[in-house]
Protein backbone atom coordinates (compact mmCIF):
# COMPACT_ATOMS: atom_id res chain seq x y z
CA MET A 1 -28.90 -51.61 58.46
CA LEU A 2 -26.47 -48.90 59.72
CA VAL A 3 -22.96 -49.48 60.67
CA PHE A 4 -20.89 -47.61 62.63
CA ARG A 5 -16.60 -47.48 62.04
CA CYS A 6 -15.03 -45.17 64.72
CA LYS A 7 -11.15 -44.75 64.41
CA ILE A 8 -10.28 -44.23 67.78
CA LEU A 9 -6.69 -42.95 69.13
CA ASN A 10 -5.76 -46.07 71.71
CA VAL A 11 -9.21 -45.62 73.96
CA ASN A 12 -12.42 -47.55 74.32
CA LEU A 13 -15.91 -46.38 74.41
CA PRO A 14 -17.84 -46.09 77.50
CA SER A 15 -20.79 -47.94 78.58
CA SER A 16 -24.65 -47.30 77.95
CA PHE A 17 -26.79 -44.67 80.21
CA SER A 18 -30.05 -43.41 79.73
CA LEU A 19 -30.97 -40.13 77.74
CA GLY A 20 -34.45 -41.24 77.18
CA THR A 21 -36.17 -43.35 74.72
CA PHE A 22 -33.77 -42.60 71.76
CA VAL A 23 -30.98 -43.26 73.60
CA LYS A 24 -32.02 -46.36 75.27
CA HIS A 25 -31.75 -48.29 72.17
CA LEU A 26 -28.61 -47.36 70.92
CA PRO A 27 -25.81 -50.34 71.90
CA LEU A 28 -22.16 -49.08 73.39
CA PRO A 29 -19.18 -50.42 74.09
CA LYS A 30 -18.00 -50.78 77.19
CA PRO A 31 -15.46 -48.32 78.92
CA LYS A 32 -11.56 -48.87 79.65
CA THR A 33 -9.59 -45.52 79.28
CA SER A 34 -10.31 -41.74 78.93
CA PHE A 35 -9.23 -39.48 76.47
CA PRO A 36 -5.99 -38.26 76.15
CA PRO A 37 -4.69 -35.50 74.18
CA GLN A 38 -3.24 -36.74 70.61
CA THR A 39 -1.94 -36.70 67.11
CA LEU A 40 -4.61 -38.31 64.64
CA ASN A 41 -3.54 -41.81 63.67
CA PHE A 42 -5.25 -42.99 60.76
CA LYS A 43 -3.70 -46.35 61.65
CA SER A 44 -5.71 -46.97 65.00
CA LEU A 45 -7.75 -49.68 65.85
CA THR A 46 -11.47 -49.73 63.67
CA THR A 47 -14.72 -50.78 65.82
CA TYR A 48 -17.91 -51.74 65.03
CA VAL A 49 -21.74 -50.50 66.30
CA THR A 50 -24.64 -51.84 64.16
CA ARG A 51 -28.41 -51.24 64.16
CA SER A 52 -30.87 -53.05 62.49
CA SER A 53 -33.32 -50.47 62.59
CA SER A 54 -33.04 -46.50 61.53
CA TYR A 55 -32.89 -43.75 64.53
CA PHE A 56 -35.93 -42.18 63.40
CA GLU A 57 -37.67 -45.27 64.96
CA THR A 58 -36.35 -44.89 68.25
CA LEU A 59 -37.77 -41.78 68.51
CA SER A 60 -41.50 -41.43 70.56
CA SER A 61 -44.52 -40.40 68.73
CA SER A 62 -44.52 -37.13 69.63
CA GLN A 63 -41.02 -36.65 68.70
CA LYS A 64 -41.80 -38.05 64.99
CA ASP A 65 -44.54 -35.57 65.00
CA GLN A 66 -42.45 -33.06 65.36
CA ILE A 67 -40.03 -34.23 62.79
CA HIS A 68 -42.76 -34.28 60.49
CA LEU A 69 -43.81 -30.91 61.02
CA TYR A 70 -40.48 -29.60 60.31
CA VAL A 71 -40.06 -31.53 57.20
CA ASP A 72 -43.04 -30.44 55.74
CA ALA A 73 -42.30 -26.58 56.46
CA LEU A 74 -38.73 -27.36 54.97
CA LEU A 75 -40.03 -28.23 51.79
CA GLN A 76 -42.68 -25.63 51.74
CA TRP A 77 -40.32 -22.77 52.40
CA ASN A 78 -37.55 -24.42 50.19
CA GLN A 79 -40.04 -23.51 47.12
CA LYS A 80 -39.27 -19.84 48.06
CA MET A 81 -35.65 -20.30 49.11
CA ASN A 82 -32.73 -21.89 48.64
CA LEU A 83 -32.56 -24.10 51.98
CA THR A 84 -31.58 -27.79 50.53
CA ALA A 85 -31.11 -29.54 47.18
CA VAL A 86 -33.10 -32.28 48.40
CA LYS A 87 -36.92 -32.58 47.13
CA GLU A 88 -38.82 -35.25 48.27
CA VAL A 89 -40.08 -36.12 51.95
CA ASN A 90 -38.31 -39.65 51.59
CA ASP A 91 -35.41 -38.16 50.98
CA VAL A 92 -34.98 -35.40 53.42
CA MET A 93 -35.95 -38.16 55.71
CA GLU A 94 -33.35 -40.77 55.01
CA ARG A 95 -30.48 -38.61 53.96
CA HIS A 96 -31.00 -35.36 56.30
CA ILE A 97 -33.12 -36.35 59.57
CA GLU A 98 -31.57 -40.07 60.04
CA ASP A 99 -27.82 -38.42 58.97
CA SER A 100 -28.75 -35.55 62.07
CA LEU A 101 -29.73 -37.80 64.33
CA ALA A 102 -26.85 -40.66 63.43
CA ILE A 103 -24.09 -38.11 65.01
CA ILE A 104 -25.77 -38.63 68.72
CA PRO A 105 -24.30 -42.04 69.64
CA PRO A 106 -20.47 -40.70 68.54
CA ILE A 107 -21.24 -37.11 70.75
CA GLN A 108 -22.65 -39.70 73.87
CA ASN A 109 -19.39 -41.87 73.58
CA SER A 110 -17.20 -38.98 72.94
CA TYR A 111 -18.24 -36.46 75.72
CA ILE A 112 -18.54 -39.43 78.81
CA ALA A 113 -15.30 -40.87 77.72
CA SER A 114 -13.59 -37.44 77.94
CA GLY A 115 -14.36 -36.92 81.85
CA ASN A 116 -17.93 -35.46 81.81
CA ASN A 117 -20.34 -37.15 84.19
CA SER A 118 -23.45 -36.38 82.59
CA PHE A 119 -25.08 -36.43 79.01
CA ASP A 120 -28.66 -35.29 79.69
CA ASN A 121 -28.61 -31.70 79.77
CA LEU A 122 -25.97 -30.32 77.37
CA ARG A 123 -25.39 -26.57 75.92
CA ILE A 124 -25.36 -27.67 71.80
CA VAL A 125 -24.25 -24.76 69.62
CA ASP A 126 -25.20 -25.58 65.73
CA VAL A 127 -22.84 -23.26 63.43
CA GLY A 128 -24.13 -22.32 60.05
CA SER A 129 -27.48 -24.61 61.16
CA GLY A 130 -28.65 -22.94 57.42
CA ALA A 131 -31.87 -24.98 57.57
CA GLY A 132 -31.46 -26.32 61.34
CA LEU A 133 -29.50 -29.02 60.02
CA PRO A 134 -28.34 -30.64 62.47
CA GLY A 135 -29.15 -28.74 65.54
CA LEU A 136 -32.94 -28.58 65.36
CA VAL A 137 -33.41 -32.49 64.64
CA LEU A 138 -31.05 -32.52 67.74
CA ALA A 139 -33.20 -30.63 69.72
CA VAL A 140 -36.23 -32.88 68.73
CA ALA A 141 -34.30 -36.36 69.90
CA CYS A 142 -33.11 -34.50 72.98
CA PRO A 143 -35.38 -32.34 74.92
CA GLY A 144 -32.93 -31.88 77.76
CA TRP A 145 -30.18 -30.35 75.53
CA GLU A 146 -30.50 -26.14 74.99
CA VAL A 147 -29.64 -26.17 71.38
CA THR A 148 -28.57 -22.64 69.58
CA LEU A 149 -28.74 -22.43 65.95
CA VAL A 150 -26.08 -19.69 64.76
CA GLU A 151 -26.91 -18.19 61.18
CA SER A 152 -25.89 -15.37 59.36
CA MET A 153 -28.58 -15.05 56.57
CA ASN A 154 -31.61 -13.72 57.78
CA LYS A 155 -33.64 -15.29 55.86
CA ARG A 156 -32.63 -18.49 56.72
CA CYS A 157 -33.19 -17.11 60.66
CA LEU A 158 -36.92 -16.64 59.77
CA PHE A 159 -37.54 -19.98 58.32
CA LEU A 160 -35.40 -21.37 61.78
CA GLU A 161 -37.90 -19.12 64.07
CA HIS A 162 -40.89 -20.86 61.79
CA ALA A 163 -39.60 -23.92 62.39
CA VAL A 164 -38.85 -23.67 65.92
CA SER A 165 -42.45 -22.22 66.74
CA LEU A 166 -44.06 -25.02 64.63
CA THR A 167 -42.83 -27.55 66.19
CA GLY A 168 -43.42 -26.19 69.91
CA LEU A 169 -39.47 -26.72 70.70
CA SER A 170 -39.11 -24.55 73.96
CA ASN A 171 -34.88 -25.50 74.01
CA VAL A 172 -33.69 -23.95 70.97
CA ARG A 173 -32.56 -20.19 70.52
CA VAL A 174 -31.75 -18.69 66.93
CA VAL A 175 -28.69 -16.34 66.64
CA ARG A 176 -28.84 -14.26 63.68
CA GLU A 177 -24.50 -14.02 63.50
CA ARG A 178 -21.30 -14.63 61.94
CA ALA A 179 -19.16 -17.02 63.83
CA GLU A 180 -16.19 -15.36 64.14
CA LYS A 181 -18.27 -12.24 65.81
CA LEU A 182 -20.12 -14.50 68.40
CA GLY A 183 -16.27 -16.49 69.25
CA GLN A 184 -15.14 -12.59 70.19
CA ASP A 185 -18.46 -12.56 72.28
CA SER A 186 -17.93 -13.11 76.32
CA ASN A 187 -21.86 -14.34 76.29
CA PHE A 188 -20.72 -17.07 73.43
CA ARG A 189 -17.47 -17.71 73.95
CA GLU A 190 -16.29 -20.91 75.55
CA ARG A 191 -19.80 -21.63 76.64
CA PHE A 192 -21.06 -24.40 75.19
CA ASP A 193 -20.68 -27.87 75.50
CA VAL A 194 -20.74 -29.42 72.61
CA ALA A 195 -20.22 -27.51 68.85
CA VAL A 196 -21.63 -29.12 65.80
CA ALA A 197 -21.12 -28.39 62.47
CA ARG A 198 -22.61 -29.77 58.76
CA ALA A 199 -21.89 -28.88 55.62
CA VAL A 200 -20.71 -25.20 56.64
CA ALA A 201 -16.76 -25.36 55.46
CA GLU A 202 -13.80 -26.92 55.11
CA MET A 203 -12.21 -28.75 58.48
CA LYS A 204 -9.54 -26.13 59.14
CA VAL A 205 -11.97 -22.98 58.53
CA LEU A 206 -14.49 -24.80 60.40
CA ALA A 207 -12.32 -25.10 63.75
CA GLU A 208 -11.57 -21.47 63.84
CA TYR A 209 -15.68 -20.67 63.38
CA CYS A 210 -16.72 -23.68 66.24
CA ILE A 211 -13.85 -24.49 68.80
CA PRO A 212 -13.61 -20.90 70.52
CA LEU A 213 -17.30 -21.42 71.13
CA VAL A 214 -16.65 -24.81 72.92
CA ARG A 215 -15.80 -24.92 76.86
CA VAL A 216 -12.71 -26.22 78.01
CA GLY A 217 -13.55 -30.23 78.24
CA GLY A 218 -15.99 -30.13 75.47
CA LEU A 219 -16.45 -31.33 71.97
CA PHE A 220 -16.35 -30.04 68.54
CA VAL A 221 -18.21 -32.26 66.09
CA ALA A 222 -18.15 -32.31 62.06
CA ALA A 223 -20.20 -33.79 60.00
CA LYS A 224 -18.51 -34.95 56.76
CA GLY A 225 -18.24 -36.82 53.90
CA HIS A 226 -17.30 -40.56 53.10
CA ASP A 227 -13.61 -39.90 53.11
CA PRO A 228 -12.13 -36.81 54.95
CA GLN A 229 -8.80 -37.98 56.01
CA GLU A 230 -7.10 -35.50 53.99
CA GLU A 231 -8.85 -32.86 55.17
CA VAL A 232 -8.59 -33.47 58.61
CA LYS A 233 -5.01 -34.39 58.25
CA SER A 234 -4.63 -30.27 56.82
CA ALA A 235 -6.80 -29.33 59.96
CA GLU A 236 -4.61 -30.36 62.85
CA ARG A 237 -2.73 -27.41 62.71
CA ALA A 238 -5.52 -25.17 63.17
CA ILE A 239 -7.04 -27.38 65.47
CA LYS A 240 -3.96 -27.22 67.79
CA LEU A 241 -3.98 -23.63 67.42
CA MET A 242 -7.29 -23.25 69.03
CA GLY A 243 -6.87 -25.55 71.76
CA ALA A 244 -8.37 -28.73 70.68
CA SER A 245 -6.97 -32.31 69.57
CA ILE A 246 -8.61 -34.70 67.03
CA LEU A 247 -9.90 -37.92 68.80
CA GLN A 248 -11.67 -40.06 66.61
CA LEU A 249 -13.35 -40.39 63.03
CA CYS A 250 -16.98 -42.10 63.34
CA ALA A 251 -18.29 -43.50 60.01
CA VAL A 252 -21.68 -44.16 59.76
CA GLU A 253 -23.99 -45.79 56.43
CA SER A 254 -25.95 -42.96 55.14
CA HIS A 255 -28.26 -42.42 52.40
CA SER A 256 -25.64 -39.86 50.79
CA PRO A 257 -24.66 -40.44 47.37
CA HIS A 258 -21.31 -42.16 48.70
CA GLY A 259 -23.26 -44.49 51.21
CA GLN A 260 -21.37 -43.27 53.89
CA ARG A 261 -20.64 -39.98 56.35
CA THR A 262 -18.06 -38.99 59.04
CA ALA A 263 -18.37 -37.81 62.16
CA ILE A 264 -14.94 -36.22 63.24
CA ILE A 265 -14.95 -35.34 66.83
CA CYS A 266 -12.43 -33.18 68.85
CA LEU A 267 -11.82 -32.27 72.09
CA LYS A 268 -11.16 -29.24 73.50
CA ASN A 269 -8.09 -29.51 75.70
CA GLY A 270 -7.17 -25.78 76.97
CA SER A 271 -8.51 -22.15 76.18
CA THR A 272 -8.83 -21.03 73.05
CA PRO A 273 -6.08 -17.99 72.66
CA ARG A 274 -7.58 -14.75 72.45
CA LYS A 275 -6.57 -13.24 69.30
CA TYR A 276 -8.92 -16.28 68.03
CA PRO A 277 -11.37 -16.26 66.19
CA ARG A 278 -10.07 -13.75 63.57
CA ASP A 279 -12.27 -11.14 62.01
CA PRO A 280 -15.32 -12.14 59.97
CA GLY A 281 -14.00 -13.50 56.55
CA THR A 282 -10.34 -14.15 57.58
CA PRO A 283 -10.75 -17.91 57.88
CA THR A 284 -11.94 -17.93 55.02
CA LYS A 285 -9.66 -15.83 52.75
CA ALA A 286 -6.52 -17.09 55.13
CA PRO A 287 -7.03 -20.81 56.69
CA LEU A 288 -4.53 -21.89 59.44
């Protein structure tokens, strides 16, 4: 059984609405209020949402076929380049595919509760996409979303382009560039509804990579490990400097070594100052 535990900042989440076969199976809490800008309170209320089946099983047969094609390609290419430390099909399905699908409910809840009207046609950017996790998987599960996979390494971009072609996805584009440069490019800066990142960098570095790409009113969602609270606390200043605030931490049971992952969700309250992001490499060398 999969279990969500979301630490929320004095808010309740909205009721369910249709997003095709996947989302209609997801149970959601009842709405009360929207999200105001706040400082993270680790003593806030914990809520629970449980499921008795996997997220993969809620996909249509054609979506399942796309996932299987992607996983086969991932493991084949992984023999000649470093895409993932996971080597077996079942492990990829449990630790990568299920974990990637698991961030959809927290995104859904937070996006609507923060005042947005529709969840069906989002512009998503996956920063440091690597092997396409979670962005490519989100594109399969939510075909109405426009997903941009950002990756700076050419070899990984070649794999991503191959995977997109193999799965027949028409809602995905691959961009080979550093996030710091895209954040200063008017074609990408503050153009996305949601930015996601998984296993890329520590939170205060991710904030400078991702938040400048998100429009005001959009979300930044970082997939982290089982106990990210200290990392989140140390990133609060960087998140605020980028024009955002932390909304909630959603924990989901997974097949990771610690049995749990956490989705850290931030709301973009205002525009990011023009000086951010800084030059490529600076966020890592001198975190805010």
